[in-house]
N, C-alpha and C. Protein backbone atom coordinates (compact mmCIF):
# COMPACT_ATOMS: atom_id res chain seq x y z
N UNK A 1 51.82 132.60 134.78
CA UNK A 1 51.87 133.90 134.13
C UNK A 1 51.82 133.70 132.61
N UNK A 2 50.93 134.40 131.92
CA UNK A 2 50.85 134.26 130.46
C UNK A 2 52.14 134.72 129.79
N UNK A 3 52.41 134.11 128.65
CA UNK A 3 53.60 134.49 127.88
C UNK A 3 53.42 135.87 127.28
N UNK A 4 54.54 136.55 127.11
CA UNK A 4 54.55 137.81 126.38
C UNK A 4 54.31 137.52 124.90
N UNK A 5 53.84 138.50 124.18
CA UNK A 5 53.61 138.34 122.74
C UNK A 5 54.89 137.89 122.05
N UNK A 6 56.02 138.49 122.40
CA UNK A 6 57.29 138.13 121.76
C UNK A 6 57.65 136.66 122.00
N UNK A 7 57.27 136.12 123.15
CA UNK A 7 57.53 134.70 123.44
C UNK A 7 56.64 133.79 122.60
N UNK A 8 55.41 134.21 122.38
CA UNK A 8 54.50 133.42 121.54
C UNK A 8 55.00 133.43 120.10
N UNK A 9 55.49 134.56 119.64
CA UNK A 9 56.06 134.64 118.28
C UNK A 9 57.23 133.68 118.15
N UNK A 10 58.13 133.69 119.11
CA UNK A 10 59.26 132.76 119.09
C UNK A 10 58.79 131.31 119.09
N UNK A 11 57.80 130.99 119.89
CA UNK A 11 57.27 129.63 119.94
C UNK A 11 56.63 129.24 118.62
N UNK A 12 55.95 130.17 117.97
CA UNK A 12 55.35 129.90 116.66
C UNK A 12 56.43 129.62 115.62
N UNK A 13 57.48 130.43 115.61
CA UNK A 13 58.60 130.21 114.69
C UNK A 13 59.24 128.85 114.94
N UNK A 14 59.45 128.54 116.20
CA UNK A 14 60.07 127.26 116.56
C UNK A 14 59.19 126.10 116.14
N UNK A 15 57.89 126.22 116.36
CA UNK A 15 56.95 125.17 115.98
C UNK A 15 57.03 124.88 114.48
N UNK A 16 56.96 125.91 113.68
CA UNK A 16 57.01 125.72 112.22
C UNK A 16 58.37 125.20 111.77
N UNK A 17 59.44 125.81 112.25
CA UNK A 17 60.77 125.43 111.80
C UNK A 17 61.20 124.05 112.28
N UNK A 18 60.88 123.70 113.50
CA UNK A 18 61.31 122.41 114.05
C UNK A 18 60.61 121.25 113.35
N UNK A 19 59.40 121.48 112.85
CA UNK A 19 58.65 120.44 112.15
C UNK A 19 58.85 120.52 110.63
N UNK A 20 59.58 121.54 110.16
CA UNK A 20 59.79 121.72 108.73
C UNK A 20 58.51 122.06 107.98
N UNK A 21 57.62 122.80 108.65
CA UNK A 21 56.33 123.14 108.06
C UNK A 21 56.29 124.58 107.58
N UNK A 22 55.47 124.82 106.57
CA UNK A 22 55.22 126.18 106.11
C UNK A 22 53.93 126.73 106.70
N UNK A 23 53.04 125.82 107.08
CA UNK A 23 51.75 126.20 107.64
C UNK A 23 51.31 125.13 108.63
N UNK A 24 50.61 125.56 109.66
CA UNK A 24 50.08 124.63 110.66
C UNK A 24 48.72 125.15 111.12
N UNK A 25 47.81 124.22 111.36
CA UNK A 25 46.53 124.59 111.96
C UNK A 25 46.53 124.10 113.40
N UNK A 26 46.08 124.94 114.27
CA UNK A 26 45.97 124.61 115.69
C UNK A 26 44.51 124.72 116.09
N UNK A 27 44.05 123.80 116.90
CA UNK A 27 42.72 123.97 117.48
C UNK A 27 42.84 125.11 118.49
N UNK A 28 41.72 125.68 118.87
CA UNK A 28 41.78 126.76 119.85
C UNK A 28 42.43 126.30 121.16
N UNK A 29 42.12 125.10 121.67
CA UNK A 29 42.83 124.66 122.89
C UNK A 29 44.34 124.56 122.70
N UNK A 30 44.79 124.13 121.51
CA UNK A 30 46.22 124.07 121.24
C UNK A 30 46.82 125.48 121.20
N UNK A 31 46.08 126.43 120.62
CA UNK A 31 46.56 127.80 120.56
C UNK A 31 46.65 128.42 121.95
N UNK A 32 45.64 128.15 122.79
CA UNK A 32 45.68 128.64 124.17
C UNK A 32 46.90 128.06 124.89
N UNK A 33 47.19 126.79 124.64
CA UNK A 33 48.36 126.17 125.27
C UNK A 33 49.65 126.80 124.76
N UNK A 34 49.74 127.03 123.45
CA UNK A 34 50.93 127.66 122.86
C UNK A 34 51.16 129.05 123.46
N UNK A 35 50.07 129.80 123.66
CA UNK A 35 50.19 131.15 124.20
C UNK A 35 50.17 131.19 125.72
N UNK A 36 49.98 130.04 126.34
CA UNK A 36 49.98 129.91 127.80
C UNK A 36 48.96 130.86 128.43
N UNK A 37 47.75 130.84 127.88
CA UNK A 37 46.69 131.73 128.36
C UNK A 37 45.40 130.95 128.56
N UNK A 38 44.58 131.45 129.44
CA UNK A 38 43.25 130.88 129.65
C UNK A 38 42.20 131.68 128.89
N UNK A 39 42.48 132.96 128.67
CA UNK A 39 41.61 133.84 127.89
C UNK A 39 42.49 134.66 126.96
N UNK A 40 41.96 134.99 125.81
CA UNK A 40 42.73 135.79 124.85
C UNK A 40 41.90 137.02 124.50
N UNK A 41 42.45 138.18 124.78
CA UNK A 41 41.75 139.44 124.51
C UNK A 41 42.11 139.94 123.11
N UNK A 42 41.26 140.80 122.58
CA UNK A 42 41.49 141.38 121.25
C UNK A 42 42.83 142.11 121.18
N UNK A 43 43.19 142.79 122.25
CA UNK A 43 44.47 143.53 122.28
C UNK A 43 45.65 142.58 122.08
N UNK A 44 45.62 141.43 122.74
CA UNK A 44 46.70 140.44 122.58
C UNK A 44 46.73 139.94 121.14
N UNK A 45 45.57 139.64 120.57
CA UNK A 45 45.52 139.12 119.20
C UNK A 45 46.05 140.16 118.20
N UNK A 46 45.73 141.41 118.43
CA UNK A 46 46.21 142.48 117.55
C UNK A 46 47.73 142.63 117.64
N UNK A 47 48.26 142.65 118.85
CA UNK A 47 49.71 142.76 119.03
C UNK A 47 50.42 141.54 118.44
N UNK A 48 49.83 140.36 118.64
CA UNK A 48 50.43 139.14 118.12
C UNK A 48 50.47 139.17 116.60
N UNK A 49 49.39 139.59 115.97
CA UNK A 49 49.36 139.67 114.51
C UNK A 49 50.46 140.60 113.98
N UNK A 50 50.63 141.75 114.63
CA UNK A 50 51.65 142.72 114.20
C UNK A 50 53.06 142.16 114.37
N UNK A 51 53.32 141.52 115.50
CA UNK A 51 54.67 140.99 115.73
C UNK A 51 54.96 139.77 114.87
N UNK A 52 53.93 138.96 114.60
CA UNK A 52 54.12 137.83 113.68
C UNK A 52 54.42 138.34 112.28
N UNK A 53 53.72 139.39 111.85
CA UNK A 53 53.95 139.97 110.52
C UNK A 53 55.39 140.47 110.42
N UNK A 54 55.89 141.10 111.47
CA UNK A 54 57.27 141.58 111.47
C UNK A 54 58.26 140.43 111.38
N UNK A 55 57.84 139.24 111.82
CA UNK A 55 58.69 138.05 111.77
C UNK A 55 58.39 137.21 110.52
N UNK A 56 57.67 137.78 109.56
CA UNK A 56 57.30 137.11 108.31
C UNK A 56 56.43 135.88 108.53
N UNK A 57 55.52 136.00 109.48
CA UNK A 57 54.55 134.94 109.73
C UNK A 57 53.15 135.55 109.67
N UNK A 58 52.20 134.74 109.25
CA UNK A 58 50.81 135.16 109.17
C UNK A 58 49.98 134.36 110.15
N UNK A 59 48.91 134.94 110.64
CA UNK A 59 47.98 134.24 111.52
C UNK A 59 46.57 134.54 111.07
N UNK A 60 45.74 133.52 111.10
CA UNK A 60 44.31 133.68 110.78
C UNK A 60 43.51 132.96 111.86
N UNK A 61 42.48 133.63 112.33
CA UNK A 61 41.66 133.10 113.41
C UNK A 61 40.33 132.62 112.82
N UNK A 62 40.05 131.34 112.93
CA UNK A 62 38.79 130.79 112.48
C UNK A 62 37.91 130.42 113.66
N UNK A 63 36.77 129.83 113.39
CA UNK A 63 35.88 129.39 114.46
C UNK A 63 36.43 128.17 115.19
N UNK A 64 37.03 127.23 114.44
CA UNK A 64 37.51 125.99 115.03
C UNK A 64 39.03 125.93 115.14
N UNK A 65 39.73 126.70 114.32
CA UNK A 65 41.18 126.61 114.28
C UNK A 65 41.84 127.98 114.18
N UNK A 66 43.13 127.97 114.46
CA UNK A 66 44.01 129.12 114.24
C UNK A 66 45.07 128.63 113.25
N UNK A 67 45.31 129.41 112.20
CA UNK A 67 46.27 129.02 111.18
C UNK A 67 47.51 129.90 111.30
N UNK A 68 48.67 129.27 111.38
CA UNK A 68 49.95 129.97 111.36
C UNK A 68 50.66 129.58 110.07
N UNK A 69 51.21 130.56 109.35
CA UNK A 69 51.88 130.26 108.09
C UNK A 69 53.06 131.20 107.89
N UNK A 70 54.06 130.69 107.17
CA UNK A 70 55.18 131.53 106.76
C UNK A 70 54.70 132.44 105.64
N UNK A 71 55.19 133.67 105.63
CA UNK A 71 54.75 134.67 104.66
C UNK A 71 55.65 134.64 103.42
N UNK A 72 55.51 133.58 102.64
CA UNK A 72 56.14 133.52 101.33
C UNK A 72 55.36 132.52 100.49
N UNK A 73 55.59 132.50 99.23
CA UNK A 73 54.82 131.70 98.30
C UNK A 73 55.31 130.25 98.31
N UNK A 74 54.92 129.50 99.33
CA UNK A 74 55.38 128.13 99.46
C UNK A 74 54.53 127.14 98.69
N UNK A 75 53.39 127.55 98.18
CA UNK A 75 52.50 126.66 97.41
C UNK A 75 51.91 127.44 96.24
N UNK A 76 52.75 127.79 95.25
CA UNK A 76 52.24 128.58 94.12
C UNK A 76 51.25 127.79 93.27
N UNK A 77 50.37 128.52 92.61
CA UNK A 77 49.46 127.88 91.67
C UNK A 77 50.26 127.35 90.48
N UNK A 78 49.86 126.19 89.96
CA UNK A 78 50.57 125.66 88.78
C UNK A 78 50.39 126.61 87.59
N UNK A 79 51.42 126.71 86.79
CA UNK A 79 51.35 127.55 85.59
C UNK A 79 50.61 126.79 84.50
N UNK A 80 49.83 127.54 83.75
CA UNK A 80 49.07 126.91 82.64
C UNK A 80 49.89 126.84 81.39
């Protein structure tokens, strides 16, 4: 049975926090494994984005990877 969106959000938080990371890139197969799904529909991705945002996490979907990041300025530009 696929994980609920709330479970994927918890797993994403745990992944970042347990490794002490601010951002992580996952290949699509790794993302499918994290979400415990064989297919991912647009509706799931939309709900996941909203719930991650509520948890102060960002998600970006690329062609080769999925990026998960904490929503704060962890890598500011150097001041001139």
